[in-house]
Amino acid sequence: MARSRIPVVADWFAEEGDGFRLLGTRCSACASVFFPREDARCRHPGCAGGDLVEVPLSRRGRIWSYTDSRYRPPQPYVSDRELPWQPYTLIAVELAAERLVVLGQGAPGISVTDLDVGMEVEVVPGVLSEDGDDETGTAWTTWHWRPTGVVA
């Protein structure tokens, strides 16, 4: 039996036929795209509102900004307090087609020294944390950003 894979947030990303994608919503009236997804009403202040339709977002974008997290964040952030803190990279990526910026962690092994503003990156599946053992445990899944051309 393999480790169960459960999304950290339901309906924000999916493994689709053509690969891993973030999922947003688009307003049918004004064509605004939202991530995180919006399911209640259009958030565009000048829109009277329309139906919100789920749309897969672009898999690639360009780095808008980045930094690294060198400290263990306070609760409710989940981290194993028994293990030493491992810094990770945070990357803000501009999706040109959707005209929005999406924040996410860098893929494991990617540090700020590997990144430049304007560099192309792609969204890839990731794991935020794991519980239990390999047989009965849970992998809490999320998304990561990885420079294009880098093999995992």
C-alpha atoms as a PDB file:
ATOM      1  CA  MET A   1       0.000   0.000   0.000  1.00  0.00           C
ATOM      2  CA  ALA A   2       1.396   3.397  -0.964  1.00  0.00           C
ATOM      3  CA  ARG A   3       1.304   6.659   0.967  1.00  0.00           C
ATOM      4  CA  SER A   4      -2.036   8.497   0.465  1.00  0.00           C
ATOM      5  CA  ARG A   5      -1.711  11.778  -1.446  1.00  0.00           C
ATOM      6  CA  ILE A   6      -4.116  14.472  -0.264  1.00  0.00           C
ATOM      7  CA  PRO A   7      -4.150  18.064  -1.576  1.00  0.00           C
ATOM      8  CA  VAL A   8      -3.420  20.683   1.086  1.00  0.00           C
ATOM      9  CA  VAL A   9      -6.252  22.766  -0.411  1.00  0.00           C
ATOM     10  CA  ALA A  10      -8.970  21.028  -2.435  1.00  0.00           C
ATOM     11  CA  ASP A  11      -9.640  22.196  -6.017  1.00  0.00           C
ATOM     12  CA  TRP A  12      -6.641  24.570  -6.298  1.00  0.00           C
ATOM     13  CA  PHE A  13      -4.617  22.188  -8.504  1.00  0.00           C
ATOM     14  CA  ALA A  14      -5.023  18.936 -10.391  1.00  0.00           C
ATOM     15  CA  GLU A  15      -3.118  16.310 -12.301  1.00  0.00           C
ATOM     16  CA  GLU A  16      -4.748  16.489 -15.723  1.00  0.00           C
ATOM     17  CA  GLY A  17      -4.287  14.603 -18.974  1.00  0.00           C
ATOM     18  CA  ASP A  18      -1.689  17.109 -20.163  1.00  0.00           C
ATOM     19  CA  GLY A  19       0.070  17.468 -16.800  1.00  0.00           C
ATOM     20  CA  PHE A  20      -0.079  19.178 -13.417  1.00  0.00           C
ATOM     21  CA  ARG A  21      -2.027  22.465 -13.428  1.00  0.00           C
ATOM     22  CA  LEU A  22      -3.150  25.128 -11.000  1.00  0.00           C
ATOM     23  CA  LEU A  23      -6.901  25.726 -11.202  1.00  0.00           C
ATOM     24  CA  GLY A  24      -8.512  29.137 -11.164  1.00  0.00           C
ATOM     25  CA  THR A  25     -11.867  30.549 -12.122  1.00  0.00           C
ATOM     26  CA  ARG A  26     -12.836  32.962 -14.900  1.00  0.00           C
ATOM     27  CA  CYS A  27     -15.820  35.304 -14.859  1.00  0.00           C
ATOM     28  CA  SER A  28     -18.037  34.828 -17.906  1.00  0.00           C
ATOM     29  CA  ALA A  29     -19.015  38.522 -17.886  1.00  0.00           C
ATOM     30  CA  CYS A  30     -15.654  40.323 -17.654  1.00  0.00           C
ATOM     31  CA  ALA A  31     -13.161  37.459 -18.313  1.00  0.00           C
ATOM     32  CA  SER A  32     -11.214  38.209 -15.083  1.00  0.00           C
ATOM     33  CA  VAL A  33      -9.249  35.198 -13.833  1.00  0.00           C
ATOM     34  CA  PHE A  34      -8.851  34.457 -10.133  1.00  0.00           C
ATOM     35  CA  PHE A  35      -6.366  32.425  -8.127  1.00  0.00           C
ATOM     36  CA  PRO A  36      -7.002  31.314  -5.558  1.00  0.00           C
ATOM     37  CA  ARG A  37     -10.216  30.346  -7.208  1.00  0.00           C
ATOM     38  CA  GLU A  38     -13.404  32.271  -6.546  1.00  0.00           C
ATOM     39  CA  ASP A  39     -16.651  30.324  -6.455  1.00  0.00           C
ATOM     40  CA  ALA A  40     -19.119  32.852  -5.008  1.00  0.00           C
ATOM     41  CA  ARG A  41     -18.967  36.017  -7.156  1.00  0.00           C
ATOM     42  CA  CYS A  42     -16.690  38.008  -9.432  1.00  0.00           C
ATOM     43  CA  ARG A  43     -14.152  40.028  -7.413  1.00  0.00           C
ATOM     44  CA  HIS A  44     -13.603  42.601 -10.175  1.00  0.00           C
ATOM     45  CA  PRO A  45     -15.015  45.863  -8.761  1.00  0.00           C
ATOM     46  CA  GLY A  46     -16.320  47.082 -12.137  1.00  0.00           C
ATOM     47  CA  CYS A  47     -18.142  43.850 -13.038  1.00  0.00           C
ATOM     48  CA  ALA A  48     -21.845  43.258 -12.475  1.00  0.00           C
ATOM     49  CA  GLY A  49     -21.009  39.559 -12.192  1.00  0.00           C
ATOM     50  CA  GLY A  50     -21.318  36.475 -14.279  1.00  0.00           C
ATOM     51  CA  ASP A  51     -20.966  32.746 -13.985  1.00  0.00           C
ATOM     52  CA  LEU A  52     -17.590  31.607 -12.645  1.00  0.00           C
ATOM     53  CA  VAL A  53     -16.047  28.774 -14.620  1.00  0.00           C
ATOM     54  CA  GLU A  54     -13.081  26.649 -13.511  1.00  0.00           C
ATOM     55  CA  VAL A  55     -10.072  27.092 -15.807  1.00  0.00           C
ATOM     56  CA  PRO A  56      -6.610  25.526 -15.809  1.00  0.00           C
ATOM     57  CA  LEU A  57      -3.936  28.201 -15.466  1.00  0.00           C
ATOM     58  CA  SER A  58      -0.750  28.489 -17.488  1.00  0.00           C
ATOM     59  CA  ARG A  59       1.896  25.977 -16.433  1.00  0.00           C
ATOM     60  CA  ARG A  60       4.706  28.467 -17.079  1.00  0.00           C
ATOM     61  CA  GLY A  61       5.386  32.021 -16.068  1.00  0.00           C
ATOM     62  CA  ARG A  62       8.196  34.446 -15.261  1.00  0.00           C
ATOM     63  CA  ILE A  63       9.638  35.205 -11.841  1.00  0.00           C
ATOM     64  CA  TRP A  64       8.245  38.487 -10.587  1.00  0.00           C
ATOM     65  CA  SER A  65      10.011  38.295  -7.206  1.00  0.00           C
ATOM     66  CA  TYR A  66      11.571  35.738  -4.843  1.00  0.00           C
ATOM     67  CA  THR A  67      13.005  35.343  -1.351  1.00  0.00           C
ATOM     68  CA  ASP A  68      13.915  32.609   1.083  1.00  0.00           C
ATOM     69  CA  SER A  69      12.430  31.646   4.420  1.00  0.00           C
ATOM     70  CA  ARG A  70      15.234  31.304   6.930  1.00  0.00           C
ATOM     71  CA  TYR A  71      13.093  30.946  10.067  1.00  0.00           C
ATOM     72  CA  ARG A  72      10.463  28.479  11.230  1.00  0.00           C
ATOM     73  CA  PRO A  73       7.104  30.248  11.001  1.00  0.00           C
ATOM     74  CA  PRO A  74       4.809  30.160  14.040  1.00  0.00           C
ATOM     75  CA  GLN A  75       1.691  28.037  14.391  1.00  0.00           C
ATOM     76  CA  PRO A  76      -0.629  27.305  12.636  1.00  0.00           C
ATOM     77  CA  TYR A  77       2.106  26.522  10.056  1.00  0.00           C
ATOM     78  CA  VAL A  78       2.710  22.786  10.173  1.00  0.00           C
ATOM     79  CA  SER A  79       6.296  21.640  10.585  1.00  0.00           C
ATOM     80  CA  ASP A  80       7.943  18.817  12.483  1.00  0.00           C
ATOM     81  CA  ARG A  81       9.346  20.531  15.580  1.00  0.00           C
ATOM     82  CA  GLU A  82      11.636  17.531  16.167  1.00  0.00           C
ATOM     83  CA  LEU A  83      13.579  18.147  12.940  1.00  0.00           C
ATOM     84  CA  PRO A  84      15.980  21.044  12.312  1.00  0.00           C
ATOM     85  CA  TRP A  85      14.466  23.866  10.241  1.00  0.00           C
ATOM     86  CA  GLN A  86      15.288  23.723   6.530  1.00  0.00           C
ATOM     87  CA  PRO A  87      15.043  27.063   4.682  1.00  0.00           C
ATOM     88  CA  TYR A  88      12.972  27.094   1.507  1.00  0.00           C
ATOM     89  CA  THR A  89      12.534  29.466  -1.402  1.00  0.00           C
ATOM     90  CA  LEU A  90       9.344  31.450  -2.058  1.00  0.00           C
ATOM     91  CA  ILE A  91       8.708  32.526  -5.640  1.00  0.00           C
ATOM     92  CA  ALA A  92       6.112  34.975  -6.995  1.00  0.00           C
ATOM     93  CA  VAL A  93       5.392  34.082 -10.630  1.00  0.00           C
ATOM     94  CA  GLU A  94       3.623  36.264 -13.159  1.00  0.00           C
ATOM     95  CA  LEU A  95       1.316  34.323 -15.480  1.00  0.00           C
ATOM     96  CA  ALA A  96       1.165  36.638 -18.488  1.00  0.00           C
ATOM     97  CA  ALA A  97      -1.870  35.019 -20.138  1.00  0.00           C
ATOM     98  CA  GLU A  98      -3.952  35.366 -16.965  1.00  0.00           C
ATOM     99  CA  ARG A  99      -2.426  38.716 -15.921  1.00  0.00           C
ATOM    100  CA  LEU A 100      -1.885  37.666 -12.315  1.00  0.00           C
ATOM    101  CA  VAL A 101       0.917  36.753  -9.904  1.00  0.00           C
ATOM    102  CA  VAL A 102       0.884  33.414  -8.056  1.00  0.00           C
ATOM    103  CA  LEU A 103       3.043  32.734  -5.003  1.00  0.00           C
ATOM    104  CA  GLY A 104       4.471  29.304  -4.207  1.00  0.00           C
ATOM    105  CA  GLN A 105       7.479  27.462  -2.857  1.00  0.00           C
ATOM    106  CA  GLY A 106      10.451  26.663  -5.016  1.00  0.00           C
ATOM    107  CA  ALA A 107      10.947  22.981  -5.798  1.00  0.00           C
ATOM    108  CA  PRO A 108      13.260  21.101  -3.406  1.00  0.00           C
ATOM    109  CA  GLY A 109      16.895  21.899  -4.135  1.00  0.00           C
ATOM    110  CA  ILE A 110      16.127  25.310  -5.692  1.00  0.00           C
ATOM    111  CA  SER A 111      17.680  28.218  -3.785  1.00  0.00           C
ATOM    112  CA  VAL A 112      17.688  31.971  -4.329  1.00  0.00           C
ATOM    113  CA  THR A 113      21.116  31.633  -5.972  1.00  0.00           C
ATOM    114  CA  ASP A 114      19.438  29.637  -8.780  1.00  0.00           C
ATOM    115  CA  LEU A 115      16.881  32.364  -9.565  1.00  0.00           C
ATOM    116  CA  ASP A 116      16.644  35.705 -11.366  1.00  0.00           C
ATOM    117  CA  VAL A 117      13.722  38.081 -11.865  1.00  0.00           C
ATOM    118  CA  GLY A 118      12.278  37.418 -15.332  1.00  0.00           C
ATOM    119  CA  MET A 119      13.449  33.775 -15.427  1.00  0.00           C
ATOM    120  CA  GLU A 120      10.930  31.291 -16.810  1.00  0.00           C
ATOM    121  CA  VAL A 121       9.595  28.741 -14.324  1.00  0.00           C
ATOM    122  CA  GLU A 122       7.017  25.977 -14.473  1.00  0.00           C
ATOM    123  CA  VAL A 123       4.549  24.637 -11.932  1.00  0.00           C
ATOM    124  CA  VAL A 124       5.233  21.087 -10.713  1.00  0.00           C
ATOM    125  CA  PRO A 125       3.604  18.837  -8.110  1.00  0.00           C
ATOM    126  CA  GLY A 126       5.082  19.060  -4.642  1.00  0.00           C
ATOM    127  CA  VAL A 127       4.718  17.769  -1.096  1.00  0.00           C
ATOM    128  CA  LEU A 128       4.254  20.166   1.819  1.00  0.00           C
ATOM    129  CA  SER A 129       4.531  17.559   4.577  1.00  0.00           C
ATOM    130  CA  GLU A 130       4.190  13.857   5.282  1.00  0.00           C
ATOM    131  CA  ASP A 131       2.571  11.988   8.164  1.00  0.00           C
ATOM    132  CA  GLY A 132       3.002   8.393   9.299  1.00  0.00           C
ATOM    133  CA  ASP A 133       5.086   5.801   7.502  1.00  0.00           C
ATOM    134  CA  ASP A 134       5.465   4.817   3.850  1.00  0.00           C
ATOM    135  CA  GLU A 135       2.779   2.131   4.132  1.00  0.00           C
ATOM    136  CA  THR A 136      -0.009   3.996   5.907  1.00  0.00           C
ATOM    137  CA  GLY A 137       1.076   7.611   5.870  1.00  0.00           C
ATOM    138  CA  THR A 138      -0.225  10.702   4.120  1.00  0.00           C
ATOM    139  CA  ALA A 139       1.587  13.048   1.761  1.00  0.00           C
ATOM    140  CA  TRP A 140       0.001  16.524   1.854  1.00  0.00           C
ATOM    141  CA  THR A 141       0.409  17.730  -1.721  1.00  0.00           C
ATOM    142  CA  THR A 142       0.795  21.241  -3.095  1.00  0.00           C
ATOM    143  CA  TRP A 143       2.534  22.967  -6.010  1.00  0.00           C
ATOM    144  CA  HIS A 144       6.122  24.133  -6.447  1.00  0.00           C
ATOM    145  CA  TRP A 145       7.840  26.397  -8.982  1.00  0.00           C
ATOM    146  CA  ARG A 146      10.906  25.096 -10.817  1.00  0.00           C
ATOM    147  CA  PRO A 147      13.079  26.859 -13.425  1.00  0.00           C
ATOM    148  CA  THR A 148      12.357  25.401 -16.867  1.00  0.00           C
ATOM    149  CA  GLY A 149      14.990  23.014 -18.092  1.00  0.00           C
ATOM    150  CA  VAL A 150      15.763  21.736 -14.563  1.00  0.00           C
ATOM    151  CA  VAL A 151      15.162  18.003 -14.193  1.00  0.00           C
ATOM    152  CA  ALA A 152      13.780  16.853 -10.831  1.00  0.00           C
END
